Structures are given as structure tokens and as C-alpha cells.
Amino acid sequence: MLVAGMKMGQAQAQAQAQQQAQHQAAVEQARQEGAAQAQTAAPATKDVTSELQKLADLHKSGALTDEEFSALKKKLLGL
């Protein structure tokens, strides 16, 4: 029983580490996309809408926290 419990704990730790890595990758991708858009003079409304949808999808999936979503949304909108 102890060995089974340890294996479950290891599996949970691995799953959590993988989820955290995915989260960090998603945040970094969103930051890079936001920086790329900030460099353009006047992003088209369609592009902003598309990026907002991507951020919303990441937030909905749990890849972005409420705070990260709000910060990236404000940055995207230039607020």
C-alpha cells in the first residue's frame, strides 16, 4: 500500500509539474504576442479581437490566472 501511495504521489507531482510548464509556456507566448503587437504602430481591430479571444481561451483553460489575464488584456488594449 505504501508503494502504491508513493507512486500516486509521484504521478501527481509529475502531472502538476507538466501543468505548470504548460502554464509558463502559455504565459510566455502571450507576453511575446503582446510585445509584438505593442511594436506595431496601430494594430487592426480584428487582430486585437483575435488576441483577446486567445487570451480568453487561455484564461478559460486555466493556463492564465485572473491577474495574468487582466494584465495581458490591459497591455493588449493599451490601458
C-alpha atoms as a PDB file:
ATOM      1  CA  MET A   1       0.000   0.000   0.000  1.00  0.00           C
ATOM      2  CA  LEU A   2       2.792   2.413   0.847  1.00  0.00           C
ATOM      3  CA  VAL A   3       4.481   1.868  -2.505  1.00  0.00           C
ATOM      4  CA  ALA A   4       1.204   2.423  -4.362  1.00  0.00           C
ATOM      5  CA  GLY A   5       0.669   5.652  -2.433  1.00  0.00           C
ATOM      6  CA  MET A   6       4.185   6.837  -3.275  1.00  0.00           C
ATOM      7  CA  LYS A   7       3.651   6.068  -6.959  1.00  0.00           C
ATOM      8  CA  MET A   8       0.386   8.011  -6.910  1.00  0.00           C
ATOM      9  CA  GLY A   9       2.172  10.919  -5.271  1.00  0.00           C
ATOM     10  CA  GLN A  10       4.910  10.833  -7.886  1.00  0.00           C
ATOM     11  CA  ALA A  11       2.359  10.728 -10.692  1.00  0.00           C
ATOM     12  CA  GLN A  12       0.530  13.685  -9.201  1.00  0.00           C
ATOM     13  CA  ALA A  13       3.777  15.609  -8.833  1.00  0.00           C
ATOM     14  CA  GLN A  14       4.694  14.876 -12.452  1.00  0.00           C
ATOM     15  CA  ALA A  15       1.253  15.949 -13.656  1.00  0.00           C
ATOM     16  CA  GLN A  16       1.478  19.146 -11.631  1.00  0.00           C
ATOM     17  CA  ALA A  17       4.966  19.892 -12.986  1.00  0.00           C
ATOM     18  CA  GLN A  18       3.738  19.318 -16.540  1.00  0.00           C
ATOM     19  CA  GLN A  19       0.731  21.579 -15.972  1.00  0.00           C
ATOM     20  CA  GLN A  20       2.978  24.290 -14.552  1.00  0.00           C
ATOM     21  CA  ALA A  21       5.319  24.027 -17.546  1.00  0.00           C
ATOM     22  CA  GLN A  22       2.354  24.356 -19.916  1.00  0.00           C
ATOM     23  CA  HIS A  23       1.130  27.357 -17.954  1.00  0.00           C
ATOM     24  CA  GLN A  24       4.519  29.045 -18.128  1.00  0.00           C
ATOM     25  CA  ALA A  25       4.766  28.372 -21.860  1.00  0.00           C
ATOM     26  CA  ALA A  26       1.306  29.845 -22.444  1.00  0.00           C
ATOM     27  CA  VAL A  27       2.121  32.936 -20.390  1.00  0.00           C
ATOM     28  CA  GLU A  28       5.389  33.439 -22.250  1.00  0.00           C
ATOM     29  CA  GLN A  29       3.661  33.038 -25.604  1.00  0.00           C
ATOM     30  CA  ALA A  30       1.011  35.580 -24.615  1.00  0.00           C
ATOM     31  CA  ARG A  31       3.710  38.001 -23.456  1.00  0.00           C
ATOM     32  CA  GLN A  32       5.619  37.626 -26.709  1.00  0.00           C
ATOM     33  CA  GLU A  33       2.480  38.168 -28.751  1.00  0.00           C
ATOM     34  CA  GLY A  34       1.628  41.222 -26.673  1.00  0.00           C
ATOM     35  CA  ALA A  35       5.129  42.624 -27.143  1.00  0.00           C
ATOM     36  CA  ALA A  36       4.971  42.021 -30.883  1.00  0.00           C
ATOM     37  CA  GLN A  37       1.676  43.865 -31.080  1.00  0.00           C
ATOM     38  CA  ALA A  38       2.985  46.723 -28.966  1.00  0.00           C
ATOM     39  CA  GLN A  39       5.729  47.251 -31.552  1.00  0.00           C
ATOM     40  CA  THR A  40       3.251  47.764 -34.358  1.00  0.00           C
ATOM     41  CA  ALA A  41       2.041  51.341 -34.865  1.00  0.00           C
ATOM     42  CA  ALA A  42      -1.705  50.659 -34.945  1.00  0.00           C
ATOM     43  CA  PRO A  43      -2.863  47.048 -34.673  1.00  0.00           C
ATOM     44  CA  ALA A  44      -6.038  46.335 -36.601  1.00  0.00           C
ATOM     45  CA  THR A  45      -9.203  45.868 -34.587  1.00  0.00           C
ATOM     46  CA  LYS A  46      -9.549  42.349 -35.954  1.00  0.00           C
ATOM     47  CA  ASP A  47      -6.060  41.461 -34.655  1.00  0.00           C
ATOM     48  CA  VAL A  48      -6.848  42.848 -31.206  1.00  0.00           C
ATOM     49  CA  THR A  49     -10.108  40.936 -31.131  1.00  0.00           C
ATOM     50  CA  SER A  50      -8.316  37.758 -32.168  1.00  0.00           C
ATOM     51  CA  GLU A  51      -5.659  38.217 -29.497  1.00  0.00           C
ATOM     52  CA  LEU A  52      -8.285  38.949 -26.853  1.00  0.00           C
ATOM     53  CA  GLN A  53     -10.025  35.716 -27.810  1.00  0.00           C
ATOM     54  CA  LYS A  54      -6.745  33.796 -27.480  1.00  0.00           C
ATOM     55  CA  LEU A  55      -6.172  35.296 -24.040  1.00  0.00           C
ATOM     56  CA  ALA A  56      -9.741  34.481 -23.030  1.00  0.00           C
ATOM     57  CA  ASP A  57      -9.272  30.890 -24.192  1.00  0.00           C
ATOM     58  CA  LEU A  58      -6.042  30.576 -22.214  1.00  0.00           C
ATOM     59  CA  HIS A  59      -7.772  32.027 -19.152  1.00  0.00           C
ATOM     60  CA  LYS A  60     -10.754  29.721 -19.540  1.00  0.00           C
ATOM     61  CA  SER A  61      -8.475  26.689 -19.853  1.00  0.00           C
ATOM     62  CA  GLY A  62      -6.707  27.648 -16.637  1.00  0.00           C
ATOM     63  CA  ALA A  63      -3.409  28.485 -18.341  1.00  0.00           C
ATOM     64  CA  LEU A  64      -3.707  32.112 -17.177  1.00  0.00           C
ATOM     65  CA  THR A  65      -4.711  33.272 -13.739  1.00  0.00           C
ATOM     66  CA  ASP A  66      -7.226  36.088 -13.314  1.00  0.00           C
ATOM     67  CA  GLU A  67      -4.382  38.502 -12.571  1.00  0.00           C
ATOM     68  CA  GLU A  68      -2.322  37.436 -15.596  1.00  0.00           C
ATOM     69  CA  PHE A  69      -5.349  37.636 -17.873  1.00  0.00           C
ATOM     70  CA  SER A  70      -6.229  41.135 -16.645  1.00  0.00           C
ATOM     71  CA  ALA A  71      -2.656  42.394 -17.002  1.00  0.00           C
ATOM     72  CA  LEU A  72      -2.221  40.976 -20.505  1.00  0.00           C
ATOM     73  CA  LYS A  73      -5.639  42.265 -21.581  1.00  0.00           C
ATOM     74  CA  LYS A  74      -4.794  45.773 -20.356  1.00  0.00           C
ATOM     75  CA  LYS A  75      -1.458  45.644 -22.132  1.00  0.00           C
ATOM     76  CA  LEU A  76      -3.101  44.482 -25.354  1.00  0.00           C
ATOM     77  CA  LEU A  77      -5.660  47.262 -25.166  1.00  0.00           C
ATOM     78  CA  GLY A  78      -3.024  49.847 -24.320  1.00  0.00           C
ATOM     79  CA  LEU A  79      -4.500  50.677 -20.916  1.00  0.00           C
END
